[in-house]
Protein backbone atom coordinates (compact mmCIF):
# COMPACT_ATOMS: atom_id res chain seq x y z
CA MET A 1 0.03 0.00 0.01
CA PRO A 2 1.28 3.53 -0.69
CA SER A 3 2.39 5.71 2.17
CA VAL A 4 1.73 9.41 2.82
CA ASP A 5 4.61 11.68 3.85
CA ASN A 6 4.43 14.66 6.22
CA ARG A 7 3.49 16.97 3.32
CA GLY A 8 0.49 14.87 2.39
CA VAL A 9 2.12 13.58 -0.76
CA VAL A 10 1.35 9.95 -1.65
CA ASP A 11 4.58 7.93 -1.87
CA TYR A 12 4.55 4.85 -4.14
CA SER A 13 8.20 3.94 -3.49
CA GLY A 14 8.78 0.20 -3.03
CA MET A 15 5.57 -0.80 -4.84
CA ALA A 16 5.97 -3.04 -7.89
CA VAL A 17 3.91 -4.03 -10.90
CA SER A 18 1.78 -7.14 -10.55
CA ALA A 19 1.81 -10.02 -13.03
CA THR A 20 -1.98 -9.84 -13.12
CA LEU A 21 -3.28 -7.31 -15.63
CA GLU A 22 -6.51 -6.54 -13.75
CA ASP A 23 -4.63 -5.70 -10.60
CA ASN A 24 -2.42 -3.22 -12.52
CA ILE A 25 -5.44 -1.58 -14.17
CA ALA A 26 -7.19 -1.25 -10.81
CA GLN A 27 -4.03 0.15 -9.22
CA PHE A 28 -3.57 2.86 -11.86
CA LYS A 29 -7.28 3.72 -12.01
CA ASP A 30 -7.01 4.40 -8.31
CA ILE A 31 -3.87 6.54 -8.79
CA LEU A 32 -5.17 8.45 -11.86
CA GLY A 33 -8.87 8.30 -11.01
CA GLY A 34 -9.09 12.02 -10.29
CA MET A 35 -7.71 12.98 -13.69
CA GLY A 36 -10.33 13.36 -16.44
CA THR A 37 -7.61 13.10 -19.09
CA ALA A 38 -6.44 9.63 -17.99
CA LYS A 39 -7.21 7.03 -20.70
CA PHE A 40 -7.18 3.21 -20.35
CA ARG A 41 -7.29 1.34 -23.68
CA ARG A 42 -7.71 -2.42 -23.61
CA VAL A 43 -6.05 -4.29 -26.51
CA LYS A 44 -6.12 -8.00 -27.31
CA ASN A 45 -3.70 -9.52 -29.79
CA ILE A 46 -5.66 -11.23 -32.57
CA HIS A 47 -3.00 -13.97 -33.09
CA ASN A 48 -1.98 -15.08 -29.59
CA ASN A 49 -4.88 -13.60 -27.49
CA LEU A 50 -2.46 -11.67 -25.28
CA ASP A 51 -4.42 -9.14 -23.15
CA CYS A 52 -2.86 -5.68 -22.87
CA CYS A 53 -3.84 -2.31 -21.48
CA ILE A 54 -2.39 1.02 -22.59
CA VAL A 55 -2.46 3.92 -20.15
CA PHE A 56 -1.81 7.56 -21.15
CA LEU A 57 -2.91 11.13 -20.49
CA ASP A 58 -4.94 12.73 -23.29
CA GLY A 59 -3.44 16.05 -24.43
CA MET A 60 0.11 15.23 -23.28
CA THR A 61 0.82 12.47 -25.77
CA ASN A 62 1.19 11.97 -29.54
CA GLY A 63 -2.15 10.38 -30.46
CA MET A 64 -1.02 9.27 -33.91
CA LEU A 65 2.05 7.48 -32.44
CA ILE A 66 -0.14 5.69 -29.92
CA ASN A 67 -2.68 4.62 -32.54
CA ASP A 68 -0.24 3.47 -35.23
CA SER A 69 2.84 2.31 -33.34
CA VAL A 70 1.42 1.01 -30.10
CA ILE A 71 -2.27 -0.01 -30.36
CA ARG A 72 -2.25 -1.29 -33.93
CA ALA A 73 1.15 -2.91 -33.56
CA ALA A 74 0.24 -4.67 -30.29
CA LYS A 75 -3.02 -5.89 -31.81
CA ASN A 76 -1.53 -7.32 -35.02
CA PHE A 77 1.80 -8.68 -33.75
CA ARG A 78 2.62 -12.19 -35.02
CA GLY A 79 4.81 -14.66 -33.16
CA GLN A 80 5.92 -15.36 -29.67
CA VAL A 81 6.14 -12.39 -27.29
CA GLU A 82 9.51 -12.76 -25.59
CA ARG A 83 9.74 -9.10 -24.54
CA LEU A 84 7.06 -6.45 -24.38
CA ASP A 85 9.03 -4.06 -26.59
CA SER A 86 8.69 -6.60 -29.47
CA LEU A 87 4.94 -5.82 -29.53
CA ILE A 88 5.33 -2.22 -30.56
CA GLU A 89 7.16 -0.18 -33.24
CA VAL A 90 8.72 2.84 -31.52
CA CYS A 91 12.26 4.06 -31.30
CA GLU A 92 12.37 4.59 -27.54
CA SER A 93 10.96 2.42 -24.82
CA GLU A 94 12.09 0.72 -21.62
CA GLU A 95 10.82 -1.79 -19.14
CA GLU A 96 9.99 -0.63 -15.62
CA SER A 97 8.48 -2.42 -12.64
CA ASP A 98 8.55 0.37 -10.02
CA ILE A 99 5.13 1.98 -9.58
CA ALA A 100 6.56 5.37 -8.51
CA SER A 101 8.68 5.61 -11.70
CA LEU A 102 5.69 4.58 -13.84
CA VAL A 103 3.51 7.29 -12.29
CA ASP A 104 6.21 9.93 -13.00
CA SER A 105 6.51 8.74 -16.60
CA VAL A 106 2.81 8.76 -17.43
CA MET A 107 2.44 12.18 -15.78
CA TYR A 108 5.17 13.53 -18.05
CA GLY A 109 3.55 12.37 -21.30
CA ASP A 110 4.79 8.79 -21.64
CA THR A 111 2.51 5.82 -22.43
CA LEU A 112 2.41 2.67 -20.30
CA LEU A 113 1.85 -0.76 -21.76
CA PHE A 114 0.76 -3.53 -19.32
CA ALA A 115 0.29 -7.14 -20.40
CA GLU A 116 -1.16 -10.23 -18.70
CA GLY A 117 1.57 -12.38 -17.08
CA TYR A 118 4.28 -9.68 -17.08
CA SER A 119 5.42 -8.21 -13.80
CA HIS A 120 6.69 -5.05 -15.44
CA ALA A 121 5.31 -2.41 -17.80
CA LEU A 122 6.72 -0.92 -20.97
CA VAL A 123 7.31 2.88 -20.86
CA VAL A 124 6.86 4.31 -24.37
CA ASN A 125 8.16 7.80 -25.21
CA SER A 126 5.01 9.37 -26.66
CA LYS A 127 5.30 12.96 -25.40
CA GLY A 128 3.27 15.25 -27.59
CA PHE A 129 2.25 18.26 -25.45
CA SER A 130 2.26 21.61 -27.21
CA ALA A 131 5.38 23.76 -27.14
CA ARG A 132 6.39 27.21 -28.41
CA GLY A 133 8.55 27.28 -31.49
CA VAL A 134 12.14 28.45 -31.41
CA GLY A 135 12.34 32.20 -32.01
CA GLU A 136 14.34 35.30 -31.08
CA PRO A 137 14.09 36.19 -27.41
CA ASP A 138 12.61 39.61 -26.70
CA THR A 139 14.90 40.28 -23.74
CA GLU A 140 18.16 39.78 -25.67
CA LYS A 141 17.71 41.27 -29.12
CA ALA A 142 20.67 40.81 -31.42
CA LEU A 143 21.92 43.03 -34.19
CA LEU A 144 24.02 40.27 -35.69
CA GLY A 145 24.62 36.62 -34.95
CA PRO A 146 22.21 33.77 -34.21
CA ARG A 147 18.57 34.66 -33.42
CA GLU A 148 17.57 31.39 -31.82
CA GLY A 149 16.24 31.45 -28.32
CA PHE A 150 15.50 28.85 -25.68
CA VAL A 151 11.94 27.55 -25.35
CA GLU A 152 9.97 25.97 -22.52
CA GLY A 153 10.89 22.38 -23.38
CA LEU A 154 13.85 20.60 -21.72
CA MET A 155 14.80 18.37 -24.65
CA ALA A 156 14.42 21.19 -27.19
CA ASN A 157 16.80 23.36 -25.17
CA LEU A 158 19.31 20.56 -24.75
CA SER A 159 19.26 19.98 -28.51
CA LEU A 160 19.94 23.69 -29.06
CA LEU A 161 23.04 23.37 -26.88
CA GLY A 162 24.08 19.93 -28.20
CA LYS A 163 24.27 21.02 -31.83
CA ARG A 164 26.76 23.75 -30.85
CA LEU A 165 28.91 21.43 -28.70
CA VAL A 166 29.50 18.44 -30.95
CA THR A 167 32.02 16.63 -28.69
CA SER A 168 32.03 13.63 -26.35
CA ASP A 169 33.45 15.96 -23.72
CA TYR A 170 30.02 17.60 -23.44
CA LYS A 171 28.16 16.05 -20.45
CA VAL A 172 24.57 16.39 -19.25
CA ASP A 173 23.51 15.25 -15.79
CA THR A 174 19.79 15.21 -14.88
CA MET A 175 17.80 15.25 -11.66
CA LYS A 176 14.31 16.06 -10.43
CA ILE A 177 13.55 18.91 -8.06
CA GLY A 178 10.22 19.75 -6.33
CA THR A 179 8.32 17.37 -4.10
CA ARG A 180 5.03 17.92 -5.99
CA THR A 181 6.10 19.03 -9.50
CA ASN A 182 9.12 16.70 -10.01
CA THR A 183 10.61 19.24 -12.40
CA LYS A 184 13.43 17.88 -14.54
CA VAL A 185 16.69 19.83 -14.32
CA ALA A 186 19.75 19.25 -16.57
CA ILE A 187 23.32 20.24 -15.64
CA CYS A 188 25.47 20.82 -18.73
CA TYR A 189 29.24 21.24 -18.80
CA LEU A 190 32.47 20.24 -20.56
CA ASP A 191 34.19 17.56 -18.51
CA SER A 192 37.73 18.65 -19.37
CA LEU A 193 37.11 22.32 -18.43
CA VAL A 194 34.77 22.35 -15.48
CA ASP A 195 36.20 22.54 -11.96
CA ALA A 196 35.15 19.34 -10.15
CA SER A 197 34.66 21.12 -6.83
CA ILE A 198 32.37 23.73 -8.40
CA LEU A 199 30.39 21.02 -10.13
CA GLU A 200 29.91 19.13 -6.85
CA ASP A 201 28.89 22.37 -5.14
CA VAL A 202 26.26 23.00 -7.79
CA LYS A 203 24.84 19.45 -7.45
CA ALA A 204 24.81 19.69 -3.65
CA ARG A 205 22.93 23.00 -3.71
CA LEU A 206 20.38 21.63 -6.22
CA GLU A 207 19.85 18.47 -4.15
CA GLY A 208 19.40 20.62 -1.09
CA VAL A 209 16.46 22.58 -2.61
CA ASN A 210 13.37 21.62 -0.63
CA THR A 211 10.26 23.11 -2.17
CA ASP A 212 6.89 22.02 -3.52
CA GLY A 213 7.63 22.97 -7.06
CA ILE A 214 10.02 24.64 -9.51
CA LEU A 215 8.12 26.44 -12.25
CA ASP A 216 10.88 28.61 -13.66
CA ALA A 217 14.67 28.98 -13.57
CA ASN A 218 14.38 31.99 -11.20
CA TYR A 219 12.94 29.65 -8.51
CA LEU A 220 16.29 27.85 -8.47
CA ILE A 221 18.42 30.99 -8.74
CA GLU A 222 16.98 32.34 -5.50
CA CYS A 223 17.53 28.97 -3.80
CA ILE A 224 21.19 28.36 -4.81
CA LYS A 225 22.68 31.85 -5.18
CA ASP A 226 25.41 33.21 -2.87
CA SER A 227 24.53 36.26 -0.78
CA PRO A 228 20.78 35.88 -1.28
CA LEU A 229 20.07 39.33 0.24
CA SER A 230 22.40 41.22 -2.10
CA PRO A 231 20.76 43.17 -4.91
CA PHE A 232 23.60 42.14 -7.27
CA LYS A 233 23.23 38.94 -9.28
CA THR A 234 25.64 36.15 -8.32
CA ILE A 235 24.00 33.57 -10.61
CA GLY A 236 23.57 34.43 -14.30
CA SER A 237 20.84 33.63 -16.79
CA THR A 238 20.36 33.86 -20.54
CA GLU A 239 17.78 33.05 -23.20
CA LYS A 240 20.30 32.60 -26.04
CA PRO A 241 21.86 29.18 -26.85
CA ASP A 242 25.00 30.76 -28.34
CA VAL A 243 25.63 32.66 -25.06
CA ALA A 244 25.06 29.49 -23.03
CA ALA A 245 27.45 27.52 -25.27
CA SER A 246 30.12 30.18 -24.93
CA ARG A 247 29.80 30.02 -21.14
CA ILE A 248 30.27 26.25 -21.23
CA LEU A 249 33.45 26.73 -23.38
CA GLU A 250 34.73 29.03 -20.60
CA GLY A 251 34.48 26.18 -18.06
CA ARG A 252 31.17 27.29 -16.54
CA ILE A 253 28.06 25.26 -15.76
CA ILE A 254 24.66 25.60 -17.45
CA ILE A 255 21.48 24.56 -15.63
CA VAL A 256 18.44 23.94 -17.82
CA VAL A 257 15.03 23.83 -16.12
CA ASP A 258 12.13 22.14 -17.79
CA GLY A 259 9.30 24.61 -18.46
CA SER A 260 11.60 27.67 -18.51
CA CYS A 261 12.94 29.51 -21.53
CA MET A 262 15.78 30.89 -19.36
CA VAL A 263 18.86 28.81 -18.47
CA ILE A 264 21.12 29.41 -15.47
CA THR A 265 24.80 30.13 -15.88
CA ALA A 266 27.35 29.76 -13.03
CA PRO A 267 29.70 30.97 -11.77
CA TYR A 268 28.75 34.53 -12.67
CA THR A 269 31.16 37.46 -12.72
CA PHE A 270 30.47 41.18 -12.39
CA GLU A 271 31.84 41.94 -15.84
CA GLU A 272 29.15 39.82 -17.45
CA ASN A 273 26.60 42.53 -16.56
CA PHE A 274 28.23 44.74 -19.19
CA GLN A 275 28.70 42.13 -21.88
CA SER A 276 26.34 41.74 -24.81
CA PRO A 277 26.08 38.91 -27.38
CA ASP A 278 26.59 41.54 -30.09
CA ASP A 279 30.09 42.23 -28.72
CA TYR A 280 31.35 39.04 -30.34
CA TYR A 281 29.62 39.58 -33.70
CA LEU A 282 30.70 43.21 -34.20
CA ASN A 283 34.11 44.77 -34.75
CA PHE A 284 36.17 44.73 -31.49
CA TYR A 285 36.67 48.52 -31.65
CA TYR A 286 32.92 49.10 -31.73
CA ALA A 287 32.30 46.42 -29.04
CA SER A 288 34.88 47.95 -26.72
CA CYS A 289 33.33 51.40 -27.07
CA GLY A 290 29.92 49.96 -26.30
CA ARG A 291 31.21 48.32 -23.09
CA ILE A 292 32.86 51.50 -21.91
CA LEU A 293 29.53 53.30 -22.45
CA ARG A 294 27.80 50.69 -20.31
CA TYR A 295 30.23 51.12 -17.46
CA VAL A 296 29.80 54.87 -17.63
CA ALA A 297 25.97 54.47 -17.86
CA PHE A 298 25.98 52.25 -14.71
CA PHE A 299 27.79 54.96 -12.77
CA LEU A 300 25.61 57.80 -14.07
CA ALA A 301 22.37 55.85 -13.54
CA PHE A 302 22.61 55.87 -9.74
CA SER A 303 24.97 58.83 -9.14
CA LEU A 304 23.70 61.64 -11.36
CA PRO A 305 20.51 62.56 -9.43
CA ALA A 306 22.36 62.22 -6.06
CA VAL A 307 25.30 64.44 -7.15
CA TYR A 308 22.81 67.03 -8.51
CA VAL A 309 20.91 67.11 -5.23
CA ALA A 310 24.18 67.36 -3.21
CA LEU A 311 25.63 70.17 -5.33
CA LEU A 312 22.43 72.23 -5.42
CA THR A 313 21.71 71.73 -1.65
CA PHE A 314 25.12 71.82 -0.01
CA HIS A 315 27.86 72.77 -2.55
CA PRO A 316 26.60 75.37 -4.98
CA GLU A 317 30.07 76.98 -4.92
CA MET A 318 31.33 73.97 -6.93
CA ILE A 319 29.01 74.89 -9.85
CA PRO A 320 30.00 77.71 -12.29
CA SER A 321 28.22 80.96 -11.31
CA GLN A 322 26.28 81.34 -14.56
CA ILE A 323 24.83 77.83 -14.19
CA VAL A 324 24.03 78.49 -10.52
CA HIS A 325 22.07 81.60 -11.39
CA MET A 326 20.16 79.71 -14.07
CA LEU A 327 19.34 76.83 -11.70
CA ILE A 328 18.20 79.20 -9.00
CA ALA A 329 15.95 81.03 -11.42
CA THR A 330 14.30 77.76 -12.55
CA THR A 331 13.79 76.46 -9.01
CA ASN A 332 12.46 79.62 -7.35
CA ASP A 333 8.86 78.88 -8.27
CA VAL A 334 9.03 75.15 -7.43
CA PRO A 335 7.14 74.46 -4.17
CA PHE A 336 9.20 71.41 -3.19
CA PRO A 337 12.80 71.00 -1.91
CA THR A 338 15.31 69.65 -4.46
CA VAL A 339 15.38 66.16 -2.93
CA VAL A 340 11.57 65.86 -2.88
CA GLU A 341 11.43 67.12 -6.45
CA CYS A 342 13.98 64.54 -7.49
CA LEU A 343 12.22 61.68 -5.77
CA ILE A 344 8.86 62.63 -7.30
CA MET A 345 10.31 62.58 -10.81
CA LEU A 346 12.10 59.24 -10.31
CA VAL A 347 8.98 57.62 -8.93
CA LEU A 348 6.99 59.00 -11.85
CA PHE A 349 9.50 57.59 -14.38
CA GLU A 350 9.56 54.21 -12.67
CA ILE A 351 5.74 54.09 -12.89
CA LEU A 352 5.86 54.97 -16.56
CA LYS A 353 8.56 52.36 -17.20
CA GLU A 354 6.59 49.65 -15.43
CA THR A 355 3.46 50.67 -17.33
CA GLY A 356 5.24 50.43 -20.65
CA MET A 357 6.60 46.96 -19.74
CA ARG A 358 3.31 45.53 -18.45
CA ALA A 359 1.00 46.98 -21.10
CA SER A 360 0.50 45.15 -24.44
CA ASN A 361 3.20 45.54 -27.08
CA LYS A 362 0.89 47.66 -29.25
CA ILE A 363 0.46 50.45 -26.73
CA GLY A 364 3.21 49.88 -24.19
CA GLN A 365 6.03 51.76 -25.89
CA SER A 366 3.78 54.59 -27.11
CA MET A 367 2.27 54.97 -23.60
CA GLY A 368 5.67 55.19 -21.92
CA LEU A 369 7.05 57.69 -24.49
CA LEU A 370 4.00 59.92 -24.67
CA GLY A 371 3.40 59.72 -20.93
CA GLY A 372 6.96 60.86 -20.19
CA ILE A 373 6.85 63.77 -22.65
CA VAL A 374 3.34 64.97 -21.81
CA MET A 375 3.51 64.59 -18.03
CA GLY A 376 7.02 65.98 -17.79
CA GLU A 377 6.26 69.03 -19.89
CA ALA A 378 3.02 69.60 -18.04
CA ALA A 379 4.80 69.40 -14.66
CA VAL A 380 7.43 71.95 -15.79
CA ILE A 381 4.81 74.36 -17.16
CA ALA A 382 2.76 74.06 -13.96
CA GLY A 383 5.85 74.89 -11.88
CA ILE A 384 5.78 71.57 -9.95
CA ILE A 385 9.12 70.40 -11.35
CA SER A 386 12.05 72.41 -12.67
CA ALA A 387 13.33 71.79 -16.20
CA PRO A 388 16.92 70.87 -15.10
CA MET A 389 15.53 68.27 -12.69
CA LEU A 390 13.43 66.76 -15.49
CA ILE A 391 16.54 66.49 -17.72
CA ILE A 392 18.71 64.97 -14.93
CA THR A 393 16.18 62.32 -13.83
CA ALA A 394 15.19 61.43 -17.40
CA PHE A 395 18.83 60.98 -18.35
CA ALA A 396 19.51 58.84 -15.26
CA VAL A 397 16.60 56.52 -16.08
CA MET A 398 17.66 56.24 -19.72
CA THR A 399 21.27 55.34 -18.85
CA GLY A 400 19.98 52.62 -16.47
CA LEU A 401 18.33 50.91 -19.45
CA LEU A 402 21.76 50.29 -20.98
CA VAL A 403 22.62 47.74 -18.27
CA PRO A 404 19.38 45.76 -17.72
CA HIS A 405 21.19 43.06 -15.67
CA LEU A 406 21.89 45.76 -13.02
CA SER A 407 18.41 47.29 -12.93
CA THR A 408 17.76 46.14 -9.35
CA PRO A 409 20.94 47.53 -7.73
CA ILE A 410 20.63 50.69 -9.79
CA LEU A 411 17.06 51.27 -8.53
CA ILE A 412 18.00 50.62 -4.88
CA PHE A 413 21.26 52.56 -4.75
CA ARG A 414 19.81 55.47 -6.73
CA PHE A 415 17.26 56.20 -4.03
CA VAL A 416 19.72 55.43 -1.18
CA SER A 417 22.38 57.76 -2.64
CA ILE A 418 19.86 60.59 -3.12
CA ILE A 419 18.72 60.40 0.51
CA ALA A 420 22.33 60.22 1.72
CA ALA A 421 23.26 63.20 -0.47
CA ALA A 422 20.28 65.20 0.73
CA ILE A 423 21.35 64.68 4.37
CA PHE A 424 25.18 64.73 4.21
CA GLY A 425 25.98 66.22 0.78
CA LEU A 426 28.76 64.76 -1.39
CA ILE A 427 30.21 63.00 1.67
CA GLY A 428 26.98 60.94 1.95
CA PHE A 429 27.12 60.10 -1.74
CA PHE A 430 30.74 58.96 -1.58
CA VAL A 431 29.99 56.79 1.45
CA VAL A 432 27.21 55.01 -0.51
CA PHE A 433 29.56 54.72 -3.49
CA THR A 434 32.18 53.07 -1.25
CA VAL A 435 29.56 50.67 0.10
CA ILE A 436 28.70 49.67 -3.49
CA LEU A 437 32.36 48.99 -4.35
CA VAL A 438 32.85 46.97 -1.14
CA GLN A 439 29.70 45.01 -1.88
CA ILE A 440 30.86 44.14 -5.42
CA CYS A 441 34.36 43.15 -4.30
CA SER A 442 33.11 40.97 -1.44
CA LEU A 443 30.59 38.92 -3.34
CA LYS A 444 31.21 35.36 -4.43
CA SER A 445 29.56 33.12 -6.96
CA LEU A 446 29.77 29.46 -6.13
CA GLY A 447 32.79 30.20 -3.98
CA GLN A 448 34.51 32.19 -6.77
CA TRP A 449 35.13 35.96 -6.52
CA HIS A 450 32.36 37.83 -8.26
CA ALA A 451 34.74 40.66 -9.29
CA SER A 452 37.23 38.42 -11.11
CA TRP A 453 38.17 39.31 -14.71
CA GLU A 454 38.72 37.23 -17.77
CA LYS A 455 41.90 38.10 -19.64
CA GLY A 456 41.18 39.89 -22.91
CA ASP A 457 37.43 40.11 -22.31
CA GLY A 458 36.91 42.72 -19.58
CA ILE A 459 36.25 46.41 -19.97
CA LEU A 460 37.67 46.11 -23.52
CA ARG A 461 36.86 43.31 -25.95
CA MET A 462 40.12 42.24 -27.51
CA PRO A 463 40.33 40.69 -31.04
CA MET A 464 39.37 37.00 -31.15
CA TRP A 465 42.92 35.92 -31.77
CA LYS A 466 43.99 37.69 -28.56
CA MET A 467 41.24 36.20 -26.37
CA LYS A 468 43.21 33.19 -25.18
CA GLY A 469 42.35 33.23 -21.51
CA ARG A 470 39.62 31.51 -19.55
CA PRO A 471 38.27 32.48 -16.10
CA PRO A 472 40.57 31.52 -13.22
CA TYR A 473 38.29 28.72 -12.06
CA ALA A 474 38.36 26.83 -15.39
CA ARG A 475 40.53 23.70 -15.29
CA ASP A 476 42.32 24.69 -18.51
CA LYS A 477 43.24 28.38 -18.23
CA VAL A 478 44.28 28.82 -21.92
CA ARG A 479 42.18 28.41 -25.05
CA ARG A 480 43.81 26.09 -27.58
């Protein structure tokens, strides 16, 4: 009899298939009785009178394969049945006698074949649930290079990786996570490059995840990341197979989660926040300039409003006199202090940004653009906001969009630095800036320093023939 664990989940471990067909049918009708999609198809061979029963879930299987290669084949098979797999005509099947494994298989879209007198069942790969086609990911648009993106199917994602890594050195380990969802997770790596201790650390962290279900890659990221309270990412992610393959070639590990179009990359370094897939498909001069702009944009995104507030509130003598007179003239009629004015505008822009992201594609971009222009201009004309403040805050928000992987720390430290600057001036800002640097330098990703640099691929993107180094944690440090 099945047992029930402390979470109320029925455990079928230790239960085996019976040699009596009717007992097996009754057993699985009891297990799948609450599912309206469960189908039980009795089949009798017309030549040797062998009684069979086929069990599957409607909507998750390939109906044509079941009809032609399982039902029809089992019904018309001639000869002596030495093995159950001789009854059918499919490329992938295996015998299984454990009830728990059979339940997992049928719930994942496989078909079970039971036969009278056999104390095991045949698991037939008949998965046929709907899946999104491979297309370009919206979050990682490419100017040049491959436009394929991961989808929500595990095997489809593994095939996108496998065709780029055609070598026996490429390994894939699988496991299931989630006590109720039993989500399949694949760990991909190159055996000759990956650090064995890092690989064992990844597997230990995944095995230690104790949750009801994993529905997306981000569920796992929050469970296995270092410094879980830090706003900075210590575990990476990507939707592009070419990016994931390049990470594997650097000695990193890729974690593919079934049902997610995002794969996890680890270890993750700070410099990856400023890298773009286009960097490797464009001229290295252009790519290097783009990276420098992203580093500058990251600094300006959180520092510009704070520095403006500090200078205007505490240090006007550091601003040229003509500019000071202009700023004073524009802020005289504004009813709010500079810091309140700044916070109002930033909150407004964040609302507009979220609205543009959450609204449908047809109106989202137009709503964000028109809303910013109309509301900003109306606020300036009404005297609620000064024109320089509108320019400063709009520019800060725009520069933050250049580094989307750092959107969370930018948002947090932007408001923290503004408040610190409003209280202590530039000293408060520099204290916050120091805290940010210390935070970045102290973080680790799977035990590796987050602020480590890869030779030839840091702030500047060197030519391909100069990029010979791998990260320090790769087993082979030099590309050959």
